[in-house]
Amino acid sequence: MKHLEWFNSLDPEVQAMLEDWGEIGGPQTESQEHYLVEDVAKALRLSPITVREYTREGKIFARKLGRKWLIPVDAVARYIYNASHEQKADDHIPMGVVFVWSDRDGSILADYRFVSDKELVNFSSQADLKRFMGVKEGTGFWCELFPVLACENLLEDVGLLSPTLNEIKQKRGKLRLSDKIFELPPKMRFSFQQLASKDWFKMPIPLIEQEYKTLFGKDPDINDLRLLRMALVTATIINGDEKRLEEIEKWFLFGPLLEDFNEHSGDS
């Protein structure tokens, strides 16, 4: 296979960094995760009709299973990369993805980038990855490199597909907590933690609706907002911030009158 020839031609240090890159198969292997045309359209912010046209034109590789066309995750990454680079990714070499994680919690994804054979030949160490992603030493972030076709739930994890809180609840039975972090896809979890650190409970309804739409990719209904509030309160409980939790509780009770409450809380 051509990509194996490419892999074997690399310096030993680069091969070590790419680990099993030479054993995972070509970018069109059937073992990787596949997405429906409708899901890829959401991820790429295109219409399903446009995505189908691109598959017919060969811009996005797809394979047919029964009556449905399925698009492998490597093909999605390749299209995204090629759309923003003059030097296109080689078709016979699997795409890679570099993740930037927060040292505060290894499950919080701060950033990511798809990479092709053009960048892969330059990676031989963690320092190379950090320079490529613009991560400064001592800032509490670390990087990982994976072949795209070896990743599960990649489009969800990097935030290209955003399941709603209700969909997560239905899928898992309840909104569970894992390792003190609300169980959301990693990129979504990072944005959620940022929202949780704000005074979200003081935000007017239109603003919190916009925050929800930014996070989950849809306009919320009243049940969505209730779930969001439950999730944010739960995050505060998990973080053990009793002072902030008390402030949230008082705001729920008194709203904008909270300042008056604080001034006269000792009065009968």
Protein backbone atom coordinates (compact mmCIF):
# COMPACT_ATOMS: atom_id res chain seq x y z
CA MET A 1 0.00 0.00 0.00
CA LYS A 2 1.26 3.48 -0.81
CA HIS A 3 0.85 4.89 2.67
CA LEU A 4 3.04 2.10 4.06
CA GLU A 5 5.76 3.03 1.58
CA TRP A 6 5.45 6.62 2.78
CA PHE A 7 5.59 5.56 6.43
CA ASN A 8 8.65 3.38 5.94
CA SER A 9 10.47 6.25 4.23
CA LEU A 10 10.22 8.47 7.34
CA ASP A 11 12.98 9.06 9.88
CA PRO A 12 12.92 6.57 12.78
CA GLU A 13 12.11 9.38 15.26
CA VAL A 14 9.05 10.39 13.23
CA GLN A 15 7.96 6.75 12.90
CA ALA A 16 8.19 6.40 16.67
CA MET A 17 6.02 9.49 17.13
CA LEU A 18 3.44 8.14 14.69
CA GLU A 19 3.44 4.80 16.56
CA ASP A 20 1.18 2.34 14.69
CA TRP A 21 0.54 4.63 11.70
CA GLY A 22 1.91 2.00 9.36
CA GLU A 23 -0.44 -0.70 10.66
CA ILE A 24 -3.83 1.01 10.65
CA GLY A 25 -4.67 0.59 6.97
CA GLY A 26 -5.36 3.13 4.26
CA PRO A 27 -7.65 6.15 4.66
CA GLN A 28 -10.52 4.33 2.92
CA THR A 29 -10.51 1.36 5.29
CA GLU A 30 -13.96 0.18 6.33
CA SER A 31 -13.01 -0.27 10.00
CA GLN A 32 -13.08 3.45 10.76
CA GLU A 33 -16.15 5.32 11.99
CA HIS A 34 -18.68 6.39 9.34
CA TYR A 35 -21.27 9.17 9.40
CA LEU A 36 -24.55 9.71 7.59
CA VAL A 37 -24.66 12.41 4.92
CA GLU A 38 -27.03 14.45 7.12
CA ASP A 39 -24.57 14.38 10.04
CA VAL A 40 -21.65 15.37 7.83
CA ALA A 41 -23.74 18.22 6.45
CA LYS A 42 -24.30 19.49 10.00
CA ALA A 43 -20.61 19.18 10.81
CA LEU A 44 -19.53 21.04 7.67
CA ARG A 45 -22.36 23.61 7.88
CA LEU A 46 -23.56 22.57 4.43
CA SER A 47 -26.83 21.25 3.09
CA PRO A 48 -27.23 17.47 2.61
CA ILE A 49 -27.77 18.15 -1.12
CA THR A 50 -24.38 19.88 -1.34
CA VAL A 51 -22.64 17.03 0.51
CA ARG A 52 -24.20 14.47 -1.87
CA GLU A 53 -22.97 16.54 -4.83
CA TYR A 54 -19.47 16.58 -3.35
CA THR A 55 -19.51 12.80 -2.96
CA ARG A 56 -20.55 12.41 -6.61
CA GLU A 57 -17.83 14.85 -7.71
CA GLY A 58 -15.21 13.02 -5.64
CA LYS A 59 -14.54 15.94 -3.28
CA ILE A 60 -15.65 13.78 -0.36
CA PHE A 61 -15.16 10.01 -0.40
CA ALA A 62 -18.27 7.97 0.48
CA ARG A 63 -19.41 4.36 0.31
CA LYS A 64 -22.91 2.97 -0.10
CA LEU A 65 -24.46 0.61 2.42
CA GLY A 66 -27.88 -0.52 1.29
CA ARG A 67 -29.75 2.66 0.38
CA LYS A 68 -27.62 4.93 2.53
CA TRP A 69 -24.39 6.69 1.69
CA LEU A 70 -21.87 6.69 4.53
CA ILE A 71 -18.85 8.96 4.80
CA PRO A 72 -15.73 7.80 6.72
CA VAL A 73 -14.35 10.20 9.30
CA ASP A 74 -10.99 10.37 7.49
CA ALA A 75 -12.80 11.74 4.42
CA VAL A 76 -14.46 14.46 6.52
CA ALA A 77 -11.12 15.50 7.99
CA ARG A 78 -9.52 15.49 4.52
CA TYR A 79 -12.23 17.75 3.10
CA ILE A 80 -11.90 20.21 6.01
CA TYR A 81 -8.12 20.27 5.61
CA ASN A 82 -8.17 20.70 1.83
CA ALA A 83 -10.71 23.52 2.05
CA SER A 84 -8.23 25.65 4.01
CA HIS A 85 -4.85 24.63 2.54
CA GLU A 86 -3.34 25.28 -0.87
CA GLN A 87 -1.26 22.11 -0.63
CA LYS A 88 -3.84 19.33 -0.56
CA ALA A 89 -3.56 16.20 1.56
CA ASP A 90 -2.39 13.09 -0.28
CA ASP A 91 -5.29 10.68 -0.78
CA HIS A 92 -3.33 7.53 0.07
CA ILE A 93 -2.09 8.69 3.53
CA PRO A 94 -4.45 8.73 6.54
CA MET A 95 -5.18 12.10 8.13
CA GLY A 96 -4.04 12.92 11.65
CA VAL A 97 -5.54 15.03 14.42
CA VAL A 98 -3.63 16.91 17.12
CA PHE A 99 -5.49 17.41 20.40
CA VAL A 100 -4.59 20.06 22.99
CA TRP A 101 -5.64 19.01 26.50
CA SER A 102 -5.77 20.98 29.73
CA ASP A 103 -3.49 19.70 32.49
CA ARG A 104 -6.16 20.65 35.01
CA ASP A 105 -8.23 17.78 33.70
CA GLY A 106 -7.16 15.40 30.95
CA SER A 107 -10.73 15.16 29.62
CA ILE A 108 -11.02 18.86 28.70
CA LEU A 109 -10.18 19.49 25.04
CA ALA A 110 -8.99 23.05 24.54
CA ASP A 111 -8.11 22.89 20.84
CA TYR A 112 -7.54 20.53 17.90
CA ARG A 113 -6.29 20.58 14.32
CA PHE A 114 -6.43 18.13 11.43
CA VAL A 115 -3.03 17.43 9.87
CA SER A 116 -1.91 15.75 6.66
CA ASP A 117 1.29 14.12 5.45
CA LYS A 118 2.67 17.65 4.94
CA GLU A 119 2.79 18.25 8.72
CA LEU A 120 3.22 14.68 9.97
CA VAL A 121 6.80 14.49 8.69
CA ASN A 122 7.74 17.33 11.10
CA PHE A 123 6.54 15.67 14.32
CA SER A 124 9.05 13.73 16.39
CA SER A 125 8.35 15.00 19.92
CA GLN A 126 5.84 16.64 22.25
CA ALA A 127 7.72 19.91 21.77
CA ASP A 128 7.07 19.74 18.00
CA LEU A 129 3.34 19.32 18.61
CA LYS A 130 3.25 22.23 21.05
CA ARG A 131 5.07 24.53 18.62
CA PHE A 132 2.70 23.51 15.82
CA MET A 133 -0.36 24.24 17.99
CA GLY A 134 1.07 27.44 19.46
CA VAL A 135 1.15 26.06 23.00
CA LYS A 136 3.78 27.69 25.20
CA GLU A 137 5.76 25.68 27.72
CA GLY A 138 4.57 25.98 31.30
CA THR A 139 1.02 26.99 30.37
CA GLY A 140 -0.58 23.78 31.64
CA PHE A 141 -1.49 22.24 28.29
CA TRP A 142 -0.25 19.09 26.55
CA CYS A 143 -0.74 17.61 23.09
CA GLU A 144 -1.59 14.23 21.58
CA LEU A 145 -1.44 13.03 17.98
CA PHE A 146 -3.73 10.32 16.60
CA PRO A 147 -4.70 8.97 13.18
CA VAL A 148 -8.19 10.26 12.46
CA LEU A 149 -9.51 6.89 11.35
CA ALA A 150 -8.56 5.36 14.71
CA CYS A 151 -10.73 7.83 16.69
CA GLU A 152 -14.28 7.09 17.83
CA ASN A 153 -16.90 9.85 18.09
CA LEU A 154 -14.34 12.30 16.67
CA LEU A 155 -16.79 14.79 15.15
CA GLU A 156 -18.69 14.93 18.44
CA ASP A 157 -15.55 15.13 20.56
CA VAL A 158 -14.11 18.12 18.68
CA GLY A 159 -17.45 19.93 18.59
CA LEU A 160 -18.26 19.66 14.88
CA LEU A 161 -21.36 17.70 15.87
CA SER A 162 -23.08 18.89 19.03
CA PRO A 163 -25.55 16.56 20.73
CA THR A 164 -28.08 18.42 22.86
CA LEU A 165 -28.35 17.87 26.60
CA ASN A 166 -31.62 16.02 26.04
CA GLU A 167 -30.00 13.70 23.47
CA ILE A 168 -27.16 12.98 25.90
CA LYS A 169 -29.69 12.30 28.64
CA GLN A 170 -31.70 9.93 26.41
CA LYS A 171 -28.55 8.12 25.23
CA ARG A 172 -27.08 7.58 28.68
CA GLY A 173 -30.28 7.35 30.73
CA LYS A 174 -29.20 10.25 32.93
CA LEU A 175 -26.75 13.13 32.99
CA ARG A 176 -23.92 11.31 34.71
CA LEU A 177 -20.71 12.64 36.14
CA SER A 178 -17.32 11.13 35.40
CA ASP A 179 -14.09 12.01 37.22
CA LYS A 180 -15.73 15.15 38.65
CA ILE A 181 -16.49 16.44 35.15
CA PHE A 182 -19.93 16.59 33.59
CA GLU A 183 -20.13 13.81 31.00
CA LEU A 184 -20.12 15.77 27.74
CA PRO A 185 -17.93 15.42 24.63
CA PRO A 186 -14.45 16.88 25.39
CA LYS A 187 -14.64 20.04 23.26
CA MET A 188 -18.18 20.74 24.47
CA ARG A 189 -17.03 20.13 28.04
CA PHE A 190 -14.40 22.87 27.71
CA SER A 191 -17.01 25.40 26.53
CA PHE A 192 -19.42 24.20 29.22
CA GLN A 193 -16.80 24.74 31.93
CA GLN A 194 -16.21 28.25 30.63
CA LEU A 195 -19.95 28.99 30.86
CA ALA A 196 -20.11 27.44 34.35
CA SER A 197 -17.37 29.80 35.51
CA LYS A 198 -19.43 32.85 34.48
CA ASP A 199 -22.35 34.37 36.39
CA TRP A 200 -24.71 32.47 34.09
CA PHE A 201 -27.53 32.61 36.66
CA LYS A 202 -27.63 36.41 36.28
CA MET A 203 -27.88 36.31 32.48
CA PRO A 204 -31.17 37.40 30.86
CA ILE A 205 -33.10 34.62 29.12
CA PRO A 206 -32.15 35.67 25.53
CA LEU A 207 -28.45 35.60 26.44
CA ILE A 208 -28.59 32.18 28.11
CA GLU A 209 -30.56 30.92 25.07
CA GLN A 210 -27.71 32.15 22.85
CA GLU A 211 -25.18 30.40 25.10
CA TYR A 212 -27.15 27.17 24.73
CA LYS A 213 -27.30 27.53 20.94
CA THR A 214 -23.54 28.15 20.81
CA LEU A 215 -22.91 25.04 22.92
CA PHE A 216 -25.41 22.61 21.41
CA GLY A 217 -26.16 23.98 17.96
CA LYS A 218 -29.94 24.49 18.32
CA ASP A 219 -32.44 26.92 19.76
CA PRO A 220 -33.48 25.64 23.20
CA ASP A 221 -36.99 25.04 24.44
CA ILE A 222 -37.98 25.36 28.09
CA ASN A 223 -36.92 21.77 28.86
CA ASP A 224 -33.50 22.38 27.30
CA LEU A 225 -33.00 25.42 29.54
CA ARG A 226 -34.05 23.46 32.62
CA LEU A 227 -31.53 20.74 31.79
CA LEU A 228 -28.83 23.36 31.23
CA ARG A 229 -29.54 24.96 34.60
CA MET A 230 -29.44 21.55 36.26
CA ALA A 231 -26.12 20.78 34.59
CA LEU A 232 -24.59 24.12 35.61
CA VAL A 233 -25.75 23.78 39.20
CA THR A 234 -24.42 20.22 39.31
CA ALA A 235 -21.04 21.43 38.04
CA THR A 236 -20.92 23.96 40.88
CA ILE A 237 -21.73 21.22 43.40
CA ILE A 238 -19.04 18.95 41.98
CA ASN A 239 -16.49 21.76 42.14
CA GLY A 240 -17.30 22.12 45.86
CA ASP A 241 -17.82 25.88 45.61
CA GLU A 242 -20.28 26.36 48.49
CA LYS A 243 -20.06 30.15 48.42
CA ARG A 244 -20.96 30.29 44.73
CA LEU A 245 -23.73 27.73 45.24
CA GLU A 246 -25.22 29.92 47.98
CA GLU A 247 -25.08 32.92 45.64
CA ILE A 248 -26.87 30.93 42.91
CA GLU A 249 -29.57 29.83 45.35
CA LYS A 250 -30.19 33.37 46.56
CA TRP A 251 -30.32 34.66 42.97
CA PHE A 252 -32.93 32.04 42.08
CA LEU A 253 -35.01 33.21 45.03
CA PHE A 254 -34.57 36.97 44.78
CA GLY A 255 -33.20 37.67 41.30
CA PRO A 256 -32.19 41.33 40.73
CA LEU A 257 -33.37 42.09 44.30
CA LEU A 258 -30.36 40.15 45.64
CA GLU A 259 -28.41 43.34 46.42
CA ASP A 260 -31.29 44.58 48.57
CA PHE A 261 -31.41 41.14 50.21
CA ASN A 262 -27.70 41.30 51.07
CA GLU A 263 -28.08 44.81 52.53
CA HIS A 264 -31.07 43.92 54.73
CA SER A 265 -30.56 40.20 55.35
CA GLY A 266 -30.01 40.93 59.06
CA ASP A 267 -33.26 42.90 59.39
CA SER A 268 -36.35 41.22 60.77
